[in-house]
């Protein structure tokens, strides 16, 4: 395997909380399963915080708010990007993070 490939996956594993020892024990398939589960957990945490904030705002405001579903991540709300939009997003993120 390519060294850059391993290094990039190693850094992702550390960010997800996988120990160094476990990283070298798991297969690539197991690693991707960890990534998928981690992303789902983070989306659930994000949606939970948004829901709490939304209900706090509802209880402290007189004016009615837009639907909560508008703010939550879901598979239905996912926007498919074209190749040009993906390239533009990649350039923007590269500039933002100095890569």
C-alpha atoms as a PDB file:
ATOM      1  CA  UNK A   1       0.000   0.000   0.000  1.00  0.00           C
ATOM      2  CA  UNK A   2       1.003   3.569  -0.590  1.00  0.00           C
ATOM      3  CA  UNK A   3       2.570   5.331   2.411  1.00  0.00           C
ATOM      4  CA  UNK A   4       0.417   8.452   1.929  1.00  0.00           C
ATOM      5  CA  UNK A   5      -2.691   6.247   1.855  1.00  0.00           C
ATOM      6  CA  UNK A   6      -1.741   4.609   5.159  1.00  0.00           C
ATOM      7  CA  UNK A   7      -0.749   7.913   6.790  1.00  0.00           C
ATOM      8  CA  UNK A   8      -4.006   9.609   5.827  1.00  0.00           C
ATOM      9  CA  UNK A   9      -6.054   6.680   7.142  1.00  0.00           C
ATOM     10  CA  UNK A  10      -3.923   6.529  10.289  1.00  0.00           C
ATOM     11  CA  UNK A  11      -4.653  10.195  11.061  1.00  0.00           C
ATOM     12  CA  UNK A  12      -8.368   9.649  10.492  1.00  0.00           C
ATOM     13  CA  UNK A  13      -8.273   6.652  12.832  1.00  0.00           C
ATOM     14  CA  UNK A  14      -6.627   8.713  15.564  1.00  0.00           C
ATOM     15  CA  UNK A  15      -9.220  11.473  15.139  1.00  0.00           C
ATOM     16  CA  UNK A  16     -11.973   8.853  15.506  1.00  0.00           C
ATOM     17  CA  UNK A  17     -10.425   7.556  18.717  1.00  0.00           C
ATOM     18  CA  UNK A  18      -9.096   4.242  17.395  1.00  0.00           C
ATOM     19  CA  UNK A  19      -5.948   3.284  19.299  1.00  0.00           C
ATOM     20  CA  UNK A  20      -2.653   2.849  17.456  1.00  0.00           C
ATOM     21  CA  UNK A  21      -2.591  -0.822  18.404  1.00  0.00           C
ATOM     22  CA  UNK A  22      -6.131  -1.422  17.111  1.00  0.00           C
ATOM     23  CA  UNK A  23      -5.431   0.454  13.868  1.00  0.00           C
ATOM     24  CA  UNK A  24      -2.745  -2.031  12.904  1.00  0.00           C
ATOM     25  CA  UNK A  25      -4.920  -5.024  13.905  1.00  0.00           C
ATOM     26  CA  UNK A  26      -8.055  -4.192  11.886  1.00  0.00           C
ATOM     27  CA  UNK A  27      -8.648  -4.808   8.200  1.00  0.00           C
ATOM     28  CA  UNK A  28      -9.467  -2.049   5.716  1.00  0.00           C
ATOM     29  CA  UNK A  29     -13.077  -3.244   5.630  1.00  0.00           C
ATOM     30  CA  UNK A  30     -13.319  -2.977   9.420  1.00  0.00           C
ATOM     31  CA  UNK A  31     -11.741   0.481   9.273  1.00  0.00           C
ATOM     32  CA  UNK A  32     -14.387   1.676   6.820  1.00  0.00           C
ATOM     33  CA  UNK A  33     -17.091   0.185   9.072  1.00  0.00           C
ATOM     34  CA  UNK A  34     -15.624   2.217  11.972  1.00  0.00           C
ATOM     35  CA  UNK A  35     -15.682   5.333   9.753  1.00  0.00           C
ATOM     36  CA  UNK A  36     -19.293   4.752   8.777  1.00  0.00           C
ATOM     37  CA  UNK A  37     -20.371   4.214  12.393  1.00  0.00           C
ATOM     38  CA  UNK A  38     -18.375   7.259  13.554  1.00  0.00           C
ATOM     39  CA  UNK A  39     -20.004   9.469  10.916  1.00  0.00           C
ATOM     40  CA  UNK A  40     -23.493   8.245  11.878  1.00  0.00           C
ATOM     41  CA  UNK A  41     -22.751   8.899  15.559  1.00  0.00           C
ATOM     42  CA  UNK A  42     -21.509  12.431  14.798  1.00  0.00           C
ATOM     43  CA  UNK A  43     -24.592  13.172  12.674  1.00  0.00           C
ATOM     44  CA  UNK A  44     -26.818  11.944  15.518  1.00  0.00           C
ATOM     45  CA  UNK A  45     -24.920  14.128  18.010  1.00  0.00           C
ATOM     46  CA  UNK A  46     -25.220  17.109  15.668  1.00  0.00           C
ATOM     47  CA  UNK A  47     -28.945  16.537  15.157  1.00  0.00           C
ATOM     48  CA  UNK A  48     -29.426  16.193  18.907  1.00  0.00           C
ATOM     49  CA  UNK A  49     -27.706  19.543  19.557  1.00  0.00           C
ATOM     50  CA  UNK A  50     -29.699  21.220  16.785  1.00  0.00           C
ATOM     51  CA  UNK A  51     -32.938  19.785  18.205  1.00  0.00           C
ATOM     52  CA  UNK A  52     -32.107  21.022  21.707  1.00  0.00           C
ATOM     53  CA  UNK A  53     -31.226  24.473  20.399  1.00  0.00           C
ATOM     54  CA  UNK A  54     -34.381  24.568  18.294  1.00  0.00           C
ATOM     55  CA  UNK A  55     -36.650  23.718  21.216  1.00  0.00           C
ATOM     56  CA  UNK A  56     -34.882  26.238  23.437  1.00  0.00           C
ATOM     57  CA  UNK A  57     -35.496  28.875  20.773  1.00  0.00           C
ATOM     58  CA  UNK A  58     -39.146  27.814  20.466  1.00  0.00           C
ATOM     59  CA  UNK A  59     -39.721  28.195  24.186  1.00  0.00           C
ATOM     60  CA  UNK A  60     -38.009  31.587  24.395  1.00  0.00           C
ATOM     61  CA  UNK A  61     -39.596  33.199  21.324  1.00  0.00           C
ATOM     62  CA  UNK A  62     -43.024  34.514  20.593  1.00  0.00           C
ATOM     63  CA  UNK A  63     -42.539  34.396  16.833  1.00  0.00           C
ATOM     64  CA  UNK A  64     -43.010  30.978  15.202  1.00  0.00           C
ATOM     65  CA  UNK A  65     -39.977  29.255  13.709  1.00  0.00           C
ATOM     66  CA  UNK A  66     -39.477  27.230  10.556  1.00  0.00           C
ATOM     67  CA  UNK A  67     -39.735  23.442  10.660  1.00  0.00           C
ATOM     68  CA  UNK A  68     -37.045  21.597  12.627  1.00  0.00           C
ATOM     69  CA  UNK A  69     -36.503  19.117   9.759  1.00  0.00           C
ATOM     70  CA  UNK A  70     -35.040  21.943   7.681  1.00  0.00           C
ATOM     71  CA  UNK A  71     -32.009  22.097   9.999  1.00  0.00           C
ATOM     72  CA  UNK A  72     -31.347  18.379  10.571  1.00  0.00           C
ATOM     73  CA  UNK A  73     -29.045  16.201   8.465  1.00  0.00           C
ATOM     74  CA  UNK A  74     -30.774  13.311   6.758  1.00  0.00           C
ATOM     75  CA  UNK A  75     -30.308  11.115   3.728  1.00  0.00           C
ATOM     76  CA  UNK A  76     -33.362  12.755   2.117  1.00  0.00           C
ATOM     77  CA  UNK A  77     -31.913  16.263   2.437  1.00  0.00           C
ATOM     78  CA  UNK A  78     -28.555  15.304   0.945  1.00  0.00           C
ATOM     79  CA  UNK A  79     -27.611  17.377  -2.086  1.00  0.00           C
ATOM     80  CA  UNK A  80     -25.769  15.630  -4.899  1.00  0.00           C
ATOM     81  CA  UNK A  81     -22.910  17.768  -6.214  1.00  0.00           C
ATOM     82  CA  UNK A  82     -21.735  17.857  -9.807  1.00  0.00           C
ATOM     83  CA  UNK A  83     -18.068  17.271 -10.640  1.00  0.00           C
ATOM     84  CA  UNK A  84     -17.537  21.014 -11.066  1.00  0.00           C
ATOM     85  CA  UNK A  85     -19.117  21.747  -7.676  1.00  0.00           C
ATOM     86  CA  UNK A  86     -16.974  19.049  -6.043  1.00  0.00           C
ATOM     87  CA  UNK A  87     -13.801  20.514  -7.558  1.00  0.00           C
ATOM     88  CA  UNK A  88     -14.800  24.003  -6.393  1.00  0.00           C
ATOM     89  CA  UNK A  89     -15.509  22.681  -2.879  1.00  0.00           C
ATOM     90  CA  UNK A  90     -12.142  20.899  -2.868  1.00  0.00           C
ATOM     91  CA  UNK A  91     -10.349  24.117  -3.871  1.00  0.00           C
ATOM     92  CA  UNK A  92     -12.202  26.132  -1.216  1.00  0.00           C
ATOM     93  CA  UNK A  93     -11.346  23.624   1.520  1.00  0.00           C
ATOM     94  CA  UNK A  94      -7.719  23.443   0.375  1.00  0.00           C
ATOM     95  CA  UNK A  95      -7.432  27.235   0.594  1.00  0.00           C
ATOM     96  CA  UNK A  96      -9.175  27.292   3.970  1.00  0.00           C
ATOM     97  CA  UNK A  97      -6.912  24.637   5.510  1.00  0.00           C
ATOM     98  CA  UNK A  98      -3.745  25.664   3.660  1.00  0.00           C
ATOM     99  CA  UNK A  99      -3.243  22.295   1.969  1.00  0.00           C
END
